Protein backbone atom coordinates (compact mmCIF):
# COMPACT_ATOMS: atom_id res chain seq x y z
CA MET A 1 -47.55 52.54 35.19
CA LEU A 2 -46.09 49.77 33.06
CA LEU A 3 -49.06 49.29 30.73
CA GLN A 4 -50.67 52.71 30.63
CA ASP A 5 -53.39 52.86 27.94
CA LYS A 6 -52.51 49.45 26.48
CA ASN A 7 -55.33 47.17 25.32
CA ALA A 8 -54.82 43.59 26.47
CA ILE A 9 -56.81 40.48 25.58
CA ILE A 10 -56.42 37.75 28.19
CA TYR A 11 -57.72 34.34 27.21
CA GLY A 12 -58.59 32.17 30.20
CA ALA A 13 -59.02 35.26 32.37
CA GLY A 14 -61.45 33.48 34.68
CA GLY A 15 -58.77 31.08 35.94
CA SER A 16 -56.39 31.55 38.85
CA ILE A 17 -53.43 32.79 36.81
CA GLY A 18 -55.61 34.56 34.26
CA GLY A 19 -57.47 36.49 36.93
CA ALA A 20 -54.27 37.51 38.71
CA VAL A 21 -52.71 38.64 35.43
CA ALA A 22 -55.84 40.59 34.47
CA ARG A 23 -55.97 42.39 37.81
CA THR A 24 -52.27 43.25 37.63
CA PHE A 25 -52.44 44.44 34.02
CA ALA A 26 -55.38 46.67 34.93
CA ARG A 27 -53.57 48.05 37.96
CA GLU A 28 -50.67 48.90 35.64
CA GLY A 29 -52.98 50.97 33.43
CA ALA A 30 -54.12 48.50 30.79
CA ARG A 31 -57.67 48.20 29.53
CA VAL A 32 -58.26 44.46 29.83
CA PHE A 33 -60.54 42.36 27.68
CA LEU A 34 -61.33 39.16 29.57
CA ALA A 35 -62.06 36.16 27.36
CA GLY A 36 -63.07 32.66 28.36
CA ARG A 37 -65.88 30.13 28.34
CA THR A 38 -67.43 30.75 31.77
CA ALA A 39 -69.25 34.08 32.01
CA ALA A 40 -69.64 34.07 35.81
CA LYS A 41 -65.90 33.71 36.40
CA LEU A 42 -65.05 36.42 33.90
CA GLU A 43 -67.60 38.80 35.35
CA ALA A 44 -66.25 38.24 38.87
CA VAL A 45 -62.77 39.26 37.73
CA ALA A 46 -64.18 42.26 35.86
CA LYS A 47 -66.05 43.44 38.97
CA ASP A 48 -62.85 43.22 41.05
CA ILE A 49 -60.97 45.27 38.49
CA GLU A 50 -63.66 47.91 38.18
CA ALA A 51 -64.01 48.16 41.97
CA ALA A 52 -60.29 48.96 42.10
CA GLY A 53 -60.70 51.69 39.50
CA GLY A 54 -59.59 49.69 36.48
CA ARG A 55 -61.16 49.07 33.08
CA ALA A 56 -62.38 45.59 32.17
CA HIS A 57 -64.67 44.01 29.60
CA ALA A 58 -65.77 40.36 29.80
CA ALA A 59 -66.81 38.25 26.82
CA VAL A 60 -67.52 34.55 26.37
CA VAL A 61 -65.03 33.34 23.76
CA ASP A 62 -64.13 29.77 22.82
CA ALA A 63 -60.42 29.85 22.03
CA LEU A 64 -60.76 26.60 20.07
CA ASP A 65 -63.18 28.34 17.69
CA GLU A 66 -61.48 30.45 15.00
CA ARG A 67 -64.59 32.46 14.25
CA SER A 68 -65.23 33.25 17.92
CA VAL A 69 -61.66 34.48 18.43
CA GLU A 70 -61.57 36.52 15.21
CA GLU A 71 -64.91 38.18 15.90
CA HIS A 72 -63.86 39.08 19.44
CA ALA A 73 -60.55 40.51 18.20
CA ASP A 74 -62.45 42.61 15.67
CA THR A 75 -64.71 43.88 18.46
CA VAL A 76 -61.74 44.84 20.62
CA LEU A 77 -60.03 46.60 17.73
CA ALA A 78 -63.17 48.52 16.82
CA GLU A 79 -63.89 49.53 20.40
CA ALA A 80 -60.38 50.21 21.69
CA GLY A 81 -58.51 51.14 18.51
CA SER A 82 -55.67 48.63 18.92
CA VAL A 83 -54.74 45.21 20.20
CA ASP A 84 -51.52 45.75 22.12
CA ILE A 85 -51.19 42.56 24.18
CA SER A 86 -52.54 39.04 23.70
CA PHE A 87 -51.96 36.47 26.44
CA ASN A 88 -53.18 32.87 26.17
CA LEU A 89 -53.78 31.20 29.54
CA ILE A 90 -56.27 28.55 28.41
CA THR A 91 -56.13 25.18 30.20
CA ARG A 92 -55.32 22.12 28.05
CA ASN A 93 -56.82 19.14 29.93
CA ASP A 94 -53.43 17.58 30.69
CA VAL A 95 -53.47 14.03 32.10
CA GLN A 96 -50.50 13.12 34.30
CA GLY A 97 -49.41 10.40 36.71
CA THR A 98 -49.72 7.51 34.24
CA PRO A 99 -46.79 5.89 32.38
CA VAL A 100 -46.80 6.81 28.71
CA VAL A 101 -47.17 3.16 27.65
CA ASP A 102 -50.36 2.86 29.71
CA MET A 103 -52.04 6.00 28.40
CA SER A 104 -54.81 6.20 25.84
CA VAL A 105 -54.20 8.06 22.61
CA ALA A 106 -56.81 10.65 23.57
CA ASP A 107 -55.29 11.38 27.00
CA TYR A 108 -51.79 11.74 25.58
CA THR A 109 -52.69 13.92 22.61
CA ALA A 110 -55.38 16.14 24.18
CA PRO A 111 -53.02 18.70 25.74
CA VAL A 112 -50.95 18.83 22.55
CA THR A 113 -53.98 19.35 20.32
CA ASN A 114 -55.76 21.76 22.66
CA GLY A 115 -52.64 23.70 23.57
CA ILE A 116 -51.26 24.29 20.10
CA THR A 117 -54.71 24.94 18.62
CA THR A 118 -55.74 27.64 21.09
CA ASN A 119 -52.33 29.28 21.08
CA PHE A 120 -52.19 29.26 17.28
CA ILE A 121 -55.70 30.66 16.84
CA THR A 122 -55.30 33.44 19.41
CA ALA A 123 -51.75 34.34 18.37
CA ARG A 124 -52.71 34.42 14.70
CA ALA A 125 -55.64 36.74 15.44
CA ALA A 126 -53.43 39.07 17.45
CA GLY A 127 -50.48 38.85 15.09
CA ARG A 128 -52.49 39.87 12.04
CA ARG A 129 -53.82 42.99 13.76
CA MET A 130 -50.55 43.86 15.49
CA ALA A 131 -48.60 43.60 12.23
CA GLU A 132 -50.96 46.10 10.61
CA GLN A 133 -50.55 48.59 13.48
CA GLY A 134 -46.77 48.00 13.70
CA SER A 135 -46.58 46.99 17.35
CA GLY A 136 -47.79 44.51 19.94
CA VAL A 137 -46.84 41.68 22.29
CA ILE A 138 -47.98 38.06 22.08
CA LEU A 139 -47.50 36.09 25.31
CA ALA A 140 -47.88 32.41 26.12
CA LEU A 141 -47.39 30.28 29.23
CA ASN A 142 -46.47 26.67 29.92
CA SER A 143 -44.57 24.59 32.47
CA GLY A 144 -41.19 24.52 30.74
CA SER A 145 -41.33 20.74 30.37
CA ALA A 146 -40.45 20.52 26.68
CA HIS A 147 -37.42 18.32 27.32
CA ALA A 148 -39.54 15.64 29.00
CA SER A 149 -40.20 14.62 32.57
CA PRO A 150 -41.48 11.22 33.70
CA MET A 151 -45.20 10.67 34.29
CA MET A 152 -46.09 13.99 32.65
CA GLY A 153 -47.99 12.48 29.73
CA GLY A 154 -48.73 14.88 26.90
CA THR A 155 -47.61 17.92 28.90
CA CYS A 156 -44.07 17.71 27.52
CA PRO A 157 -44.87 17.59 23.79
CA ALA A 158 -47.55 20.23 24.31
CA ASP A 159 -45.04 22.57 25.92
CA ALA A 160 -42.53 21.86 23.14
CA ALA A 161 -45.05 22.71 20.44
CA ILE A 162 -45.99 26.02 22.08
CA ASP A 163 -42.33 26.89 22.68
CA THR A 164 -41.67 26.45 18.96
CA LEU A 165 -44.76 28.40 17.88
CA ILE A 166 -43.69 31.42 19.93
CA ARG A 167 -40.18 31.39 18.48
CA ALA A 168 -41.54 31.17 14.94
CA LEU A 169 -43.94 34.06 15.55
CA ALA A 170 -41.12 36.19 16.92
CA GLN A 171 -39.00 35.60 13.82
CA GLU A 172 -41.81 36.29 11.37
CA LEU A 173 -43.46 39.23 13.13
CA GLY A 174 -40.39 40.92 14.60
CA PRO A 175 -39.68 43.00 11.47
CA LYS A 176 -43.21 44.40 11.81
CA GLY A 177 -42.63 45.55 15.38
CA VAL A 178 -44.35 42.65 17.14
CA ARG A 179 -42.76 40.76 20.02
CA ALA A 180 -43.61 37.12 20.87
CA LEU A 181 -42.36 35.45 24.02
CA GLY A 182 -43.36 33.03 26.72
CA LEU A 183 -43.28 32.48 30.46
CA TRP A 184 -42.50 29.14 32.10
CA VAL A 185 -44.49 28.61 35.29
CA ALA A 186 -44.90 25.38 37.26
CA GLY A 187 -46.82 24.51 40.40
CA VAL A 188 -47.90 27.91 41.72
CA PRO A 189 -49.21 27.06 45.23
CA GLU A 190 -52.28 29.33 45.16
CA THR A 191 -53.52 27.69 41.96
CA LEU A 192 -53.45 24.12 43.29
CA THR A 193 -56.31 22.35 45.07
CA PRO A 194 -57.10 18.65 45.59
CA GLU A 195 -59.91 19.00 43.03
CA LYS A 196 -57.62 20.49 40.38
CA LEU A 197 -54.93 17.90 41.01
CA GLY A 198 -57.53 15.14 40.83
CA ALA A 199 -58.64 16.34 37.39
CA VAL A 200 -55.08 15.79 36.14
CA ASN A 201 -54.23 12.72 38.22
CA PRO A 202 -57.04 11.03 40.23
CA ALA A 203 -54.51 9.66 42.73
CA MET A 204 -53.71 13.24 43.81
CA ALA A 205 -57.25 14.25 44.82
CA SER A 206 -56.65 14.66 48.56
CA PRO A 207 -55.28 17.31 50.96
CA GLU A 208 -52.43 14.96 51.87
CA ALA A 209 -51.44 14.54 48.24
CA LEU A 210 -51.57 18.30 47.71
CA ARG A 211 -49.28 18.87 50.68
CA GLY A 212 -46.87 16.28 49.30
CA ILE A 213 -46.87 17.93 45.87
CA LEU A 214 -46.19 21.36 47.37
CA ASP A 215 -43.36 20.01 49.52
CA THR A 216 -41.83 18.24 46.53
CA LEU A 217 -42.04 21.37 44.40
CA ASP A 218 -40.46 23.48 47.14
CA GLY A 219 -37.60 20.98 47.26
CA LEU A 220 -36.98 21.33 43.53
CA ARG A 221 -36.74 25.12 43.56
CA MET A 222 -33.44 26.97 43.61
CA LEU A 223 -35.06 29.48 45.97
CA PRO A 224 -36.34 28.86 49.53
CA ALA A 225 -39.99 28.74 48.40
CA SER A 226 -42.13 28.37 45.31
CA PRO A 227 -42.93 31.50 43.27
CA ARG A 228 -46.23 33.04 44.30
CA LEU A 229 -49.17 33.89 42.06
CA GLN A 230 -48.63 37.64 42.32
CA GLU A 231 -44.97 37.24 41.38
CA VAL A 232 -46.04 35.46 38.20
CA ALA A 233 -48.51 38.23 37.38
CA GLU A 234 -45.93 40.95 38.03
CA LEU A 235 -43.41 39.22 35.77
CA ALA A 236 -46.01 38.94 33.01
CA ALA A 237 -46.78 42.65 33.28
CA PHE A 238 -43.09 43.50 32.94
CA LEU A 239 -42.67 41.24 29.89
CA ALA A 240 -45.71 42.84 28.25
CA SER A 241 -44.36 46.33 28.88
CA GLU A 242 -41.99 48.52 26.89
CA ARG A 243 -39.37 48.02 29.61
CA ALA A 244 -38.92 44.52 28.16
CA GLY A 245 -38.87 45.90 24.64
CA ALA A 246 -35.71 44.02 23.64
CA VAL A 247 -37.05 40.62 24.77
CA THR A 248 -38.59 38.42 22.09
CA GLY A 249 -38.32 34.92 20.64
CA THR A 250 -37.55 33.36 23.99
CA TRP A 251 -39.05 31.92 27.17
CA VAL A 252 -38.48 33.43 30.61
CA ASN A 253 -38.02 30.92 33.41
CA GLY A 254 -40.42 31.78 36.23
CA THR A 255 -40.31 28.32 37.81
CA ALA A 256 -37.26 28.89 40.07
CA MET A 257 -36.11 25.48 38.78
CA PHE A 258 -33.40 24.40 36.40
CA THR A 259 -34.76 23.92 32.86
CA SER A 260 -32.75 22.91 29.85
């Protein structure tokens, strides 16, 4: 198994991608520590993992709260003996579909502030502990939109900030045996619903709009169809494993699109 006896903290584990990653990590032998703000969602994922024979622990953690993250990391370290993998999959409250010049300051800056804050707090907590033990992997995820796309609002600068954070962590922590890298993922079909689209762009809150989005995304891919949720989870497991031990300081393109 790729992650046999590794201890992995997954922030945002109650979400679609977070849950899929947690289940896959557990199947690959990891002991997964599920962190997020909604206990019911975390516990549902934990039950699935345990029913399949895996090991999971759920805890309510606010990734915007330094103390909450640090205390949880201390708990994991005390209970498991190490923090081997840290993966931030927290949502950022992106607002899209509005021209930049028509956006409010709050809507434009929210994903930047939320995204870099949660990734910094969780990566710092992991990095400190991993540096002391001489090993570990810090993972992040965004849409690969750092070079700007129209009508994406604050998504692009948020992605750029997280891209840069990961590269800086890799340079600083690499000599201590810690890898830091990211995964670009965009528009995974199983994660999209009219309700979720409507939260980002109210004009997209309909089945017809969802179908249009999925068709558009399929047309942008270099492959016949969009990457599936399980493919994303499998790629994350590989990147977190020792088989990807030479990969750090970079972002892996899991979008099946051209990115510059």
